[in-house]
Structure formats: C-alpha cells, structure tokens
Protein backbone atom coordinates (compact mmCIF):
# COMPACT_ATOMS: atom_id res chain seq x y z
CA MET A 1 46.02 54.67 60.88
CA GLN A 2 43.72 53.22 63.53
CA SER A 3 42.45 50.61 61.13
CA LEU A 4 46.02 49.53 60.36
CA ASP A 5 46.74 49.23 64.09
CA ARG A 6 43.66 47.03 64.50
CA MET A 7 44.67 44.87 61.52
CA LEU A 8 48.14 44.27 62.96
CA ALA A 9 46.71 43.31 66.35
CA GLU A 10 44.19 40.95 64.78
CA PHE A 11 46.89 39.36 62.63
CA ALA A 12 49.07 38.66 65.65
CA GLN A 13 46.14 37.18 67.60
CA GLN A 14 45.08 34.95 64.71
CA LYS A 15 48.63 33.75 64.32
CA LEU A 16 48.76 32.69 67.96
CA GLU A 17 45.34 31.01 67.96
CA LYS A 18 45.66 29.15 64.70
CA GLN A 19 46.68 25.60 65.68
CA THR A 20 46.00 22.93 63.09
CA ARG A 21 46.92 19.29 63.55
CA ARG A 22 50.06 19.93 61.48
CA HIS A 23 51.04 22.87 63.73
CA PHE A 24 50.47 20.67 66.79
CA LEU A 25 52.74 17.89 65.49
CA MET A 26 55.44 20.35 64.42
CA ASP A 27 55.26 22.02 67.82
CA CYS A 28 55.68 18.71 69.66
CA VAL A 29 58.61 17.59 67.51
CA ALA A 30 60.35 20.93 67.85
CA LYS A 31 59.97 20.99 71.63
CA VAL A 32 61.04 17.40 72.23
CA GLY A 33 63.95 17.83 69.83
CA GLY A 34 64.88 21.10 71.48
CA LEU A 35 64.98 19.49 74.90
CA ALA A 36 67.19 16.68 73.59
CA MET A 37 69.57 18.99 71.76
CA ALA A 38 69.80 21.74 74.37
CA PRO A 39 72.50 20.07 76.48
CA LEU A 40 74.59 19.49 73.34
CA MET A 41 74.10 22.94 71.90
CA PHE A 42 74.10 25.10 75.01
CA GLY A 43 74.86 23.06 78.10
CA CYS A 44 78.65 23.02 77.91
CA ASN A 45 79.01 26.77 78.20
CA PRO A 46 77.18 28.70 80.94
CA GLY A 47 77.36 31.83 78.80
CA SER A 48 75.61 30.35 75.75
CA SER A 49 71.97 31.16 75.07
CA ALA A 50 69.54 28.49 76.28
CA GLY A 51 66.96 29.14 73.61
CA SER A 52 64.61 26.20 73.31
CA ALA A 53 60.94 25.63 74.08
CA GLY A 54 60.32 24.38 77.60
CA LEU A 55 63.57 25.80 79.00
CA ASN A 56 63.70 28.63 81.53
CA LEU A 57 64.88 31.76 79.76
CA SER A 58 67.05 34.22 81.66
CA GLN A 59 66.91 37.99 81.24
CA ARG A 60 70.05 37.66 79.11
CA ASP A 61 68.28 35.30 76.72
CA LEU A 62 65.41 37.74 76.33
CA ASN A 63 67.76 40.70 76.02
CA PRO A 64 71.19 39.59 74.74
CA LEU A 65 72.68 43.08 75.31
CA SER A 66 71.66 43.41 78.95
CA PRO A 67 74.72 44.34 81.06
CA LEU A 68 76.56 41.57 82.89
CA PRO A 69 79.24 41.84 85.58
CA PRO A 70 82.68 40.56 84.50
CA PRO A 71 83.80 37.21 85.95
CA PHE A 72 86.47 39.01 88.01
CA GLY A 73 87.47 42.57 88.78
CA ALA A 74 87.82 44.58 85.58
CA LYS A 75 90.10 47.60 85.22
CA ALA A 76 88.27 48.87 82.12
CA LYS A 77 84.55 49.05 81.37
CA SER A 78 84.81 50.21 77.74
CA ILE A 79 87.27 50.09 74.83
CA ILE A 80 88.18 52.48 72.04
CA TYR A 81 90.26 50.64 69.45
CA LEU A 82 92.02 52.75 66.80
CA HIS A 83 93.07 50.62 63.84
CA MET A 84 95.25 52.27 61.20
CA ALA A 85 94.33 50.10 58.21
CA GLY A 86 97.28 49.58 55.87
CA ALA A 87 99.89 49.44 58.62
CA PRO A 88 101.86 52.59 59.61
CA SER A 89 105.64 52.46 59.64
CA GLN A 90 106.95 52.07 63.18
CA LEU A 91 110.37 53.20 61.94
CA GLU A 92 109.03 56.70 61.23
CA LEU A 93 106.87 57.01 64.33
CA PHE A 94 108.06 55.25 67.51
CA ASP A 95 110.95 52.82 66.92
CA TYR A 96 114.03 55.03 66.56
CA LYS A 97 116.98 53.29 64.87
CA PRO A 98 120.10 55.48 64.50
CA GLU A 99 122.10 52.48 63.21
CA LEU A 100 119.67 52.11 60.35
CA ALA A 101 120.29 55.76 59.47
CA LYS A 102 124.04 55.10 59.20
CA TYR A 103 123.47 52.41 56.57
CA HIS A 104 120.85 54.27 54.58
CA ASN A 105 120.87 53.32 50.88
CA GLN A 106 123.35 50.48 51.44
CA PRO A 107 122.49 46.93 50.25
CA CYS A 108 120.48 44.98 52.78
CA PRO A 109 122.44 42.16 54.50
CA GLN A 110 121.49 38.78 53.11
CA SER A 111 120.95 37.48 56.66
CA LEU A 112 117.79 39.61 56.83
CA LEU A 113 116.44 38.21 53.56
CA GLU A 114 117.17 34.49 53.69
CA GLY A 115 114.10 32.37 54.33
CA LYS A 116 111.81 35.42 54.57
CA LYS A 117 108.72 36.18 52.53
CA PHE A 118 107.79 39.67 51.46
CA ALA A 119 104.83 41.06 49.58
CA PHE A 120 106.77 43.00 46.94
CA ILE A 121 110.52 42.92 47.65
CA ARG A 122 112.52 41.09 45.00
CA GLY A 123 116.30 40.66 44.77
CA THR A 124 118.49 42.67 47.13
CA PRO A 125 116.93 45.93 48.22
CA ASN A 126 118.70 48.87 49.86
CA LEU A 127 118.25 49.76 53.49
CA LEU A 128 116.06 52.77 54.14
CA GLY A 129 116.98 54.98 57.05
CA PRO A 130 114.35 56.79 59.16
CA GLN A 131 112.75 59.60 57.20
CA ALA A 132 111.58 61.41 60.34
CA ASN A 133 113.51 63.19 63.11
CA PHE A 134 113.26 61.63 66.55
CA SER A 135 113.52 63.04 70.06
CA GLN A 136 112.78 61.86 73.59
CA HIS A 137 109.73 63.08 75.48
CA GLY A 138 108.21 63.03 78.95
CA LYS A 139 109.65 61.62 82.11
CA SER A 140 109.62 58.22 80.42
CA GLY A 141 112.00 59.44 77.69
CA ALA A 142 109.97 57.78 74.95
CA TRP A 143 111.28 58.24 71.42
CA ILE A 144 108.62 59.86 69.23
CA SER A 145 109.16 61.38 65.77
CA ASP A 146 108.37 64.87 64.55
CA TYR A 147 105.55 63.33 62.48
CA MET A 148 103.60 63.26 65.79
CA PRO A 149 104.19 66.66 67.52
CA HIS A 150 100.91 66.58 69.48
CA PHE A 151 101.35 62.99 70.57
CA GLN A 152 104.80 63.83 71.93
CA LYS A 153 103.04 65.57 74.81
CA MET A 154 101.19 62.33 75.69
CA ALA A 155 104.30 60.16 76.02
CA ASP A 156 103.82 59.54 79.74
CA ASP A 157 100.19 58.48 79.34
CA VAL A 158 100.70 55.44 77.11
CA SER A 159 102.46 52.10 77.17
CA PHE A 160 104.37 51.17 74.03
CA LEU A 161 104.70 47.62 72.72
CA LYS A 162 107.81 47.73 70.52
CA ALA A 163 108.16 44.05 69.55
CA VAL A 164 104.72 42.96 68.35
CA HIS A 165 104.78 40.21 65.73
CA THR A 166 102.27 38.48 63.45
CA ASP A 167 102.57 35.58 60.98
CA GLN A 168 100.54 37.39 58.31
CA PHE A 169 101.96 39.87 55.80
CA ASN A 170 98.98 40.52 53.53
CA HIS A 171 96.45 43.12 54.62
CA GLY A 172 93.21 41.09 54.61
CA PRO A 173 94.41 38.03 56.60
CA ALA A 174 96.50 40.23 58.92
CA GLN A 175 93.52 42.47 59.68
CA LEU A 176 91.37 39.43 60.34
CA LEU A 177 93.99 38.00 62.71
CA MET A 178 94.35 41.31 64.53
CA GLN A 179 90.61 41.82 64.89
CA THR A 180 89.25 38.26 65.25
CA GLY A 181 92.18 36.14 66.40
CA SER A 182 92.19 34.12 63.16
CA ALA A 183 93.38 34.86 59.63
CA ARG A 184 90.36 32.96 58.26
CA LEU A 185 86.84 34.23 57.82
CA GLY A 186 84.09 33.22 60.23
CA ARG A 187 85.44 34.07 63.68
CA PRO A 188 83.87 36.69 65.95
CA SER A 189 85.64 40.04 66.24
CA LEU A 190 87.16 41.31 69.45
CA GLY A 191 84.32 43.81 69.85
CA SER A 192 81.76 41.03 69.45
CA TRP A 193 83.46 38.89 72.13
CA VAL A 194 83.53 41.76 74.59
CA THR A 195 79.91 42.75 73.93
CA TYR A 196 78.82 39.10 74.17
CA GLY A 197 80.54 38.75 77.51
CA LEU A 198 79.50 42.03 79.11
CA GLY A 199 76.53 43.43 77.20
CA THR A 200 76.26 47.21 77.25
CA GLU A 201 75.29 49.88 79.74
CA ASN A 202 73.05 51.91 77.42
CA GLN A 203 70.13 49.83 76.12
CA ASN A 204 69.20 52.57 73.61
CA LEU A 205 72.50 52.30 71.72
CA PRO A 206 74.38 49.35 70.16
CA GLY A 207 76.99 47.75 72.41
CA PHE A 208 79.55 47.70 69.58
CA VAL A 209 79.84 50.73 67.27
CA VAL A 210 82.12 51.01 64.21
CA LEU A 211 83.30 54.28 62.66
CA THR A 212 85.34 54.41 59.45
CA SER A 213 87.36 57.12 57.74
CA GLY A 214 89.87 57.44 54.91
CA GLY A 215 87.34 56.80 52.15
CA LYS A 216 87.40 53.00 52.26
CA THR A 217 86.74 50.10 54.60
CA PRO A 218 89.61 47.76 55.60
CA ASP A 219 90.84 45.23 53.03
CA ALA A 220 89.22 42.39 54.98
CA GLY A 221 85.84 44.09 54.66
CA LYS A 222 83.13 44.15 57.27
CA SER A 223 84.18 40.73 58.55
CA VAL A 224 86.60 42.53 60.89
CA TRP A 225 83.65 43.70 62.93
CA GLY A 226 81.42 40.69 62.29
CA SER A 227 80.01 38.38 64.99
CA GLY A 228 81.13 35.13 63.32
CA PHE A 229 79.43 32.20 65.03
CA LEU A 230 78.16 34.37 67.90
CA PRO A 231 74.55 35.57 67.60
CA SER A 232 74.38 38.41 65.10
CA VAL A 233 73.18 40.87 67.72
CA TYR A 234 76.82 41.12 68.84
CA GLN A 235 78.25 42.30 65.50
CA GLY A 236 79.45 45.87 65.13
CA VAL A 237 76.97 48.48 64.00
CA GLN A 238 78.59 50.83 61.47
CA CYS A 239 77.66 54.47 61.98
CA ARG A 240 78.52 57.47 59.84
CA SER A 241 79.85 60.84 61.01
CA LYS A 242 78.33 62.57 57.98
CA GLY A 243 74.63 62.63 57.10
CA ASP A 244 72.30 60.17 58.82
CA PRO A 245 74.42 58.23 61.36
CA VAL A 246 72.58 55.00 60.47
CA LEU A 247 70.87 54.34 57.17
CA TYR A 248 67.06 54.25 57.24
CA LEU A 249 67.04 55.66 60.78
CA ASP A 250 64.12 57.96 60.00
CA ASP A 251 60.61 56.61 59.46
CA PRO A 252 58.91 57.12 56.09
CA GLU A 253 56.37 59.87 55.75
CA GLY A 254 53.09 59.01 57.44
CA MET A 255 54.61 56.52 59.86
CA SER A 256 53.96 57.69 63.41
CA ARG A 257 55.93 56.60 66.49
CA ASN A 258 52.94 54.66 67.88
CA LEU A 259 52.30 52.93 64.55
CA LYS A 260 55.97 51.92 64.32
CA LYS A 261 55.75 50.43 67.81
CA ASN A 262 52.62 48.45 66.87
CA VAL A 263 54.33 47.12 63.73
CA ILE A 264 57.35 45.96 65.73
CA ASP A 265 55.15 44.40 68.43
CA ALA A 266 53.21 42.46 65.79
CA ILE A 267 56.40 41.25 64.10
CA ASN A 268 57.94 40.19 67.38
CA THR A 269 54.78 38.38 68.45
CA VAL A 270 55.31 36.14 65.43
CA ASN A 271 59.06 35.90 66.13
CA LYS A 272 58.39 34.83 69.74
CA GLU A 273 56.00 32.16 68.52
CA GLU A 274 58.70 30.90 66.14
CA PHE A 275 61.22 30.85 68.97
CA ASP A 276 58.84 28.82 71.14
CA ALA A 277 58.55 26.34 68.28
CA TYR A 278 62.18 25.99 67.21
CA GLY A 279 64.39 27.43 69.96
CA ASP A 280 66.77 29.16 67.51
CA PRO A 281 68.79 31.81 69.43
CA GLU A 282 69.03 33.86 66.22
CA ILE A 283 65.28 34.54 66.59
CA LEU A 284 65.96 36.15 69.96
CA ALA A 285 68.69 38.22 68.29
CA ARG A 286 66.20 39.29 65.60
CA ILE A 287 63.65 40.31 68.24
CA ASN A 288 66.27 42.34 70.09
CA GLN A 289 67.46 44.03 66.88
CA TYR A 290 63.94 45.20 65.99
CA GLU A 291 63.47 46.64 69.45
CA MET A 292 66.97 48.17 69.51
CA ALA A 293 66.32 49.87 66.15
CA TYR A 294 63.15 51.39 67.59
CA ARG A 295 64.99 52.75 70.64
CA MET A 296 68.00 53.93 68.58
CA GLN A 297 65.78 56.32 66.62
CA ILE A 298 65.58 58.55 69.70
CA GLU A 299 69.15 58.43 71.09
CA VAL A 300 71.44 57.89 68.08
CA PRO A 301 70.81 61.26 66.38
CA GLU A 302 71.61 63.04 69.64
CA VAL A 303 74.80 61.18 70.56
CA MET A 304 76.10 61.22 66.95
CA ASN A 305 75.69 64.97 66.65
CA ILE A 306 78.97 66.81 67.35
CA ASN A 307 77.67 70.26 66.41
CA ASP A 308 76.62 70.97 69.98
CA GLU A 309 80.10 70.39 71.39
CA PRO A 310 81.86 73.57 72.68
CA LYS A 311 84.17 75.44 70.33
CA ALA A 312 87.16 74.59 72.51
CA VAL A 313 86.47 70.87 72.07
CA HIS A 314 86.33 71.21 68.27
CA GLU A 315 89.60 73.14 68.33
CA LEU A 316 91.20 70.45 70.53
CA TYR A 317 90.27 67.61 68.15
CA GLY A 318 90.56 69.58 64.92
CA THR A 319 87.07 68.45 63.86
CA ASN A 320 85.18 69.57 60.81
CA PRO A 321 81.43 69.00 61.37
CA GLY A 322 79.56 67.91 58.27
CA THR A 323 82.45 65.84 56.94
CA GLU A 324 83.47 62.24 57.49
CA SER A 325 86.89 62.51 59.12
CA PHE A 326 89.06 60.66 61.58
CA ALA A 327 88.99 63.69 63.91
CA ASN A 328 85.17 63.65 63.98
CA ASN A 329 85.25 59.91 64.73
CA CYS A 330 87.65 60.38 67.67
CA LEU A 331 85.27 62.91 69.22
CA LEU A 332 82.30 60.61 68.55
CA ALA A 333 84.19 57.74 70.21
CA ARG A 334 84.47 59.79 73.41
CA LYS A 335 80.78 60.68 73.25
CA LEU A 336 79.76 57.05 72.69
CA VAL A 337 81.72 55.60 75.62
CA GLU A 338 80.49 58.49 77.76
CA LYS A 339 76.93 57.32 76.90
CA GLY A 340 77.69 53.75 77.95
CA VAL A 341 78.68 52.04 74.67
CA ARG A 342 80.91 49.08 75.47
CA PHE A 343 83.20 48.91 72.42
CA VAL A 344 83.97 51.60 69.84
CA GLN A 345 86.08 50.60 66.84
CA LEU A 346 87.68 53.20 64.55
CA TYR A 347 89.16 52.16 61.21
CA ASP A 348 91.21 54.74 59.31
CA TRP A 349 92.17 53.61 55.81
CA GLY A 350 95.24 54.79 53.83
CA TRP A 351 98.34 53.77 55.81
CA ASP A 352 99.89 51.51 53.15
CA THR A 353 103.17 53.33 52.39
CA HIS A 354 104.71 51.36 49.50
CA GLY A 355 106.17 54.41 47.83
CA THR A 356 104.57 53.89 44.43
CA SER A 357 103.11 57.42 44.51
CA HIS A 358 103.26 60.58 46.61
CA ASP A 359 100.16 59.48 48.47
CA GLY A 360 101.74 56.14 49.23
CA SER A 361 105.23 57.38 50.06
CA ILE A 362 106.76 57.81 53.46
CA ASP A 363 108.04 61.35 53.04
CA MET A 364 104.66 62.62 51.78
CA GLY A 365 101.90 60.04 52.22
CA LEU A 366 102.78 58.92 55.75
CA ARG A 367 103.49 62.46 56.89
CA ASN A 368 100.07 63.59 55.63
CA LYS A 369 98.27 60.67 57.31
CA CYS A 370 100.02 61.55 60.56
CA ARG A 371 98.77 65.13 60.25
CA GLU A 372 95.23 63.74 60.08
CA MET A 373 95.75 61.37 63.00
CA ASP A 374 98.15 63.02 65.43
CA ARG A 375 96.00 65.83 66.78
CA PRO A 376 92.69 63.96 67.26
CA VAL A 377 94.30 60.90 68.90
CA SER A 378 96.19 63.12 71.32
CA ALA A 379 93.00 65.11 71.95
CA LEU A 380 91.06 61.90 72.64
CA LEU A 381 93.55 60.83 75.33
CA LEU A 382 93.61 64.28 76.87
CA ASP A 383 89.84 64.65 76.76
CA LEU A 384 89.26 61.27 78.39
CA LYS A 385 91.87 62.10 81.02
CA GLN A 386 90.37 65.52 81.87
CA ARG A 387 86.90 63.99 82.24
CA GLY A 388 88.15 61.23 84.52
CA MET A 389 87.22 58.60 81.91
CA LEU A 390 90.70 57.35 80.98
CA GLU A 391 90.86 55.35 84.20
CA ASP A 392 88.19 52.91 83.02
CA THR A 393 88.43 53.37 79.23
CA LEU A 394 91.04 51.26 77.46
CA VAL A 395 92.48 52.89 74.31
CA VAL A 396 94.34 50.67 71.82
CA TRP A 397 96.26 51.95 68.78
CA GLY A 398 97.98 50.01 65.97
CA GLY A 399 97.91 48.51 62.50
CA GLU A 400 97.83 44.94 61.23
CA PHE A 401 101.62 44.66 60.85
CA GLY A 402 104.69 46.89 60.42
CA ARG A 403 107.05 47.96 57.65
CA THR A 404 110.45 46.72 56.54
CA PRO A 405 113.74 48.51 57.28
CA MET A 406 114.65 48.13 53.63
CA GLN A 407 113.11 50.04 50.74
CA GLU A 408 110.54 48.27 48.66
CA ASN A 409 112.05 46.78 45.54
CA ARG A 410 109.54 45.56 42.97
CA GLU A 411 110.84 43.40 40.15
CA GLY A 412 110.85 45.23 36.84
CA LYS A 413 109.78 48.55 38.36
CA THR A 414 111.78 51.59 39.37
CA GLN A 415 110.70 53.18 42.63
CA SER A 416 110.55 56.95 42.32
CA PHE A 417 109.28 57.50 45.86
CA LEU A 418 110.43 56.21 49.22
CA GLY A 419 108.39 53.30 50.57
CA ARG A 420 108.57 50.22 52.79
CA ASP A 421 107.11 46.74 52.28
CA HIS A 422 104.82 44.77 54.63
CA HIS A 423 106.57 43.32 57.66
CA GLY A 424 105.20 41.08 60.43
CA ASP A 425 108.34 40.30 62.43
CA ALA A 426 108.32 43.49 64.49
CA PHE A 427 106.04 46.50 64.78
CA THR A 428 104.78 48.94 67.39
CA MET A 429 101.40 49.31 69.10
CA TRP A 430 100.41 51.24 72.18
CA MET A 431 97.72 51.11 74.86
CA ALA A 432 96.52 53.69 77.41
CA GLY A 433 94.08 53.95 80.31
CA GLY A 434 91.89 51.15 81.65
CA GLY A 435 94.48 49.37 83.84
CA ILE A 436 97.54 50.04 81.66
CA LYS A 437 100.74 51.25 83.34
CA PRO A 438 101.54 54.65 81.83
CA GLY A 439 104.97 55.77 80.62
CA VAL A 440 106.25 52.26 79.83
CA THR A 441 108.09 50.91 76.81
CA HIS A 442 107.85 47.14 76.56
CA GLY A 443 109.93 45.16 74.06
CA LYS A 444 112.92 45.92 71.93
CA THR A 445 113.95 45.30 68.33
CA ASP A 446 117.40 44.85 66.78
CA ASP A 447 119.51 47.76 65.48
CA PHE A 448 117.65 47.80 62.16
CA GLY A 449 114.18 47.28 63.64
CA PHE A 450 113.80 44.03 61.72
CA SER A 451 113.09 41.56 64.54
CA GLY A 452 112.11 41.62 68.17
CA ILE A 453 114.95 40.70 70.48
CA GLU A 454 113.38 41.36 73.89
CA ASP A 455 109.86 40.92 75.32
CA LYS A 456 108.21 39.93 72.04
CA VAL A 457 104.41 39.80 72.08
CA SER A 458 101.95 38.23 69.68
CA VAL A 459 98.50 39.23 68.51
CA HIS A 460 97.08 36.58 70.85
CA ASP A 461 99.01 38.07 73.78
CA ILE A 462 97.42 41.45 73.03
CA HIS A 463 93.95 39.90 72.93
CA ALA A 464 94.57 38.01 76.19
CA THR A 465 95.65 41.25 77.86
CA ILE A 466 92.65 43.21 76.58
CA LEU A 467 90.23 40.54 77.81
CA HIS A 468 92.00 40.47 81.18
CA LEU A 469 91.53 44.24 81.56
CA MET A 470 87.83 43.77 80.82
CA GLY A 471 87.57 41.12 83.56
CA PHE A 472 87.97 37.84 81.64
CA ASP A 473 90.34 34.92 81.77
CA HIS A 474 91.00 34.43 78.05
CA GLU A 475 91.43 30.67 78.53
CA LYS A 476 88.01 30.27 80.16
CA PHE A 477 86.02 32.75 78.10
CA THR A 478 84.59 30.44 75.45
CA TYR A 479 81.61 29.83 73.19
CA ASP A 480 80.49 26.37 72.09
CA PHE A 481 80.31 25.95 68.32
CA GLN A 482 80.31 22.83 66.14
CA GLY A 483 80.93 20.53 69.05
CA ARG A 484 83.81 22.26 70.77
CA PRO A 485 84.51 25.42 72.82
CA PHE A 486 86.09 28.32 70.88
CA ARG A 487 87.92 31.29 72.35
CA LEU A 488 89.32 34.52 70.94
CA THR A 489 92.92 33.49 71.59
CA ASP A 490 92.45 29.96 70.17
CA VAL A 491 95.10 27.86 72.02
CA GLU A 492 97.62 30.64 72.52
CA GLY A 493 98.03 33.95 74.32
CA GLU A 494 99.78 35.11 77.48
CA LEU A 495 99.20 38.18 79.59
CA ILE A 496 101.61 41.10 79.03
CA ASN A 497 102.05 41.58 82.77
CA LYS A 498 104.75 44.25 82.55
CA ILE A 499 102.33 46.83 81.14
CA LEU A 500 99.55 46.18 83.68
CA ALA A 501 99.08 48.80 86.39
C-alpha cells in the first residue's frame, strides 16, 4: 500500500512539473482567452463562478456548497418538498363540492368541454361526484375528506392553495414545469436553484437530497432534480431508504481510508491543474464532488439509518425499516434537515387515478395511496413542530396538476372503475412552516371544481413565494447562460402574499 501511495504522489508531482513548449503555449492561450471571456461568461452575475486562470477565486468558487447568507431576511432555512407523482384528485381530498355530488352521473355541461383539451376524455362524459366523505376540521374549518383522517388533525398548521393552475396536462411536461419552471428539458430544478443560492450547512452531506417511493421515478425522469445549466454539483443526489443509501458508498476490499484520501488528492491535483489551464467551472464541481463523496462515506450511513430512532417515532410515522417506503422517506427527510441539508425532495409514484383498474381507480387506488401517505405526512408536520423545526422548515405538498370533475371517457373503451382525467385548470396544493401563515385557505374554485374563480395562483407564483421565503427576490435571482440571465420563474411569478406570515 505504501508503494502505491508513493506512486500516486510521484505521478501528481510529475504532472505539475512537466512543462513542454506545447504545454506553455496552451497555458498562455487558455489564460489570455480566459481573461477575455470571463466578463462575458461570469461578469454579469455576481453569483456566477469566476473560474478562470489569473482571477481571484473566492471560497465559494473553491467550495460551491459552502453556506451563503440569503440576500434578505429568510423565514425558512430548509425545504421538504413532497411531490405526489401522477397527480392526486383534489376533489377527493381537499376541495369539497356538494353541488358536484348532486349532479353525479349526469352528462357534463358542454360549456366545460368547449375549447378544452384532455388527455383521454372523448365525447360527452358524465360528471363524477366526490367519492369521499368530507367534514370541517380545526379552528380554520378546513374541509378535509375521510381519506386523510390523520391529516384532519393538522388542518390548522397548513395553508391551502385551492386554485392552482398549470398549462400542462401530460405528466412529464407538467412535472418539469412544477419542478424546474419550464416544461422543456434543460432547466435547473427548484432544489438546484436553492442550493446554488444558499449552499448547505452540513459539508459532509449533499445540499440537495432526493428520495423516491412507489416503485418508479416520475414520468419526467431524473431531469426533475437535475441542475440544468447550473454546475452539476447542485443537482439532487438520489439516496435510497433500503440497502446502501448511495450506490458504491463502501470502498472495495483492501482500500484503506488513507489510501482513498491519497487517490482523491492525486486526482484533484490534476483537476486543479486543468482548472488553472482552462477555467472551466465544471472542473471545480468535479473536485468538490470527489471530496464530498469522501466525506459522505462517514456521515451518510449514520443519517440514513432509521433503525436507531425510538419506537414511538416509528409508530408515529408508520415506518417499516428495511423497506423502501414513503413513510421511511418522511422520517429520513426530518433527519436530513435536522443535520443541515438544505433541500429534501420526496417523489411518491402511483397517484394517476384514471380508473382503468382497481389500482388506478378513485374508490380503491386513491384510497390506498392515501393510506400510505396520510399518516407519515401528518407525522412529519407534527414531528417538526414538536422539535421546534417547523418554524424554519418549509414543507410543500402537491402534484403536477389536478383531476377533472367528470369521469374519464376513453373512446372505444368501457370504464369499469371510477376515474378522473388530467386537469390543469384548478387543483390544490398546501404549504406549512417556514414563514407560511397557518390555518389559511387561499383561492376558490367553481361549484364543480373545474376552474379557479378567486385568488388563482400559477406554478411560477408558487416558485416566487418559495424563493421569497428562502430570502430571494425571484426577479433578481438569476444565472447567466448563453448570453442572457435566466431565472426560475422565467418572466412571470408573483408573491402569494395572503399566505405569508
């Protein structure tokens, strides 16, 4: 092992000392070109990396995940975002419509169909009344269905957004819009923006952690937690709640801790030389990722282990250690933010209730998904609250769109189970903690829950509000790319002031 250490050290030294005429010319060209291009590439945005030879590098350039203070006073210091991939039906959970129940199984009015696009509805479908029983809860009197008995107790801790709308009605583009601010591939995710702007408190853990459940990833794939045109160090790191939390976390047999450190030092010596030559910020990201991986080997196994949690905590969440479940992920989310992780994203797949099977029906499929989700989400809010963490942890819940008030009606097929089609005109999300006013219902839909009629909010409005709570002005928080500044909210977005504490 000692001989290998010596070989690595000698290799790094030789690499630094070896300067041929060709290397000298390449070095000069790269440095002069870097100085000329730096104002164009990095000078317009104070937050952009300044990576180029001859420039003064800040601590942030050398460590892209080092913590930064927000531009103005933040109400939240971390985020837990719960995305129900597939889009849960607001009409069975939070948006009670007694008028819709009166017209159950009656033909849908043509006024609701004209000029509208649907994923699967053809012809004139029948209206579908609420399949759940609703009642009011808490001092706020929020309407919550019997599909969510545990969550009913948390009514006064959340703020409901009843008239959210999106212009996308297919899962992939809608998930991209909800998570990146654009329905097209290539934009940074919300978690990447937040981590880019603030870094993370714990330098031994990723700033942006992703946990999935339900057996599949979202329809839009891993792009929903990608870094887009931001340096790749800001993309989400997917961890698992079963088995090794991160693949290849353990060293191979015979690889000691000291030897691993020497290997990384040798690799990064070469990387630093390349950065000095070419000034590519991705090289700094690569250096940081090697060093982060080394540090993660110590802390990740500990923080991702829920077996040591007290029995009462497991009973509260309904966890099942050794499995990959949404309940386990909710408990892990609390542990991660407690350890200083900036952004934790949970994706739970299986909320697409078309009614083509029992698993995809409202009366069975949605009810079963709610059984998996209701208890752990309520436990997460209660756990954060009891630990004094809800004050500065923002919790966001929702899907990529909502569901129609009419039953799905596929051409040439007979529906044997109750289901609803995709719907972007009106759906429900909620937020809690981190500067959100509790016990508030914002927005209102029509009698059938088809369209928002009061206090409508867009996906960009939600993003603007989240960034505001983290201490950013969404119009000024930009990153220069391809000759112009980009922002999460593009050219839209307004604060949802009525839900701010």
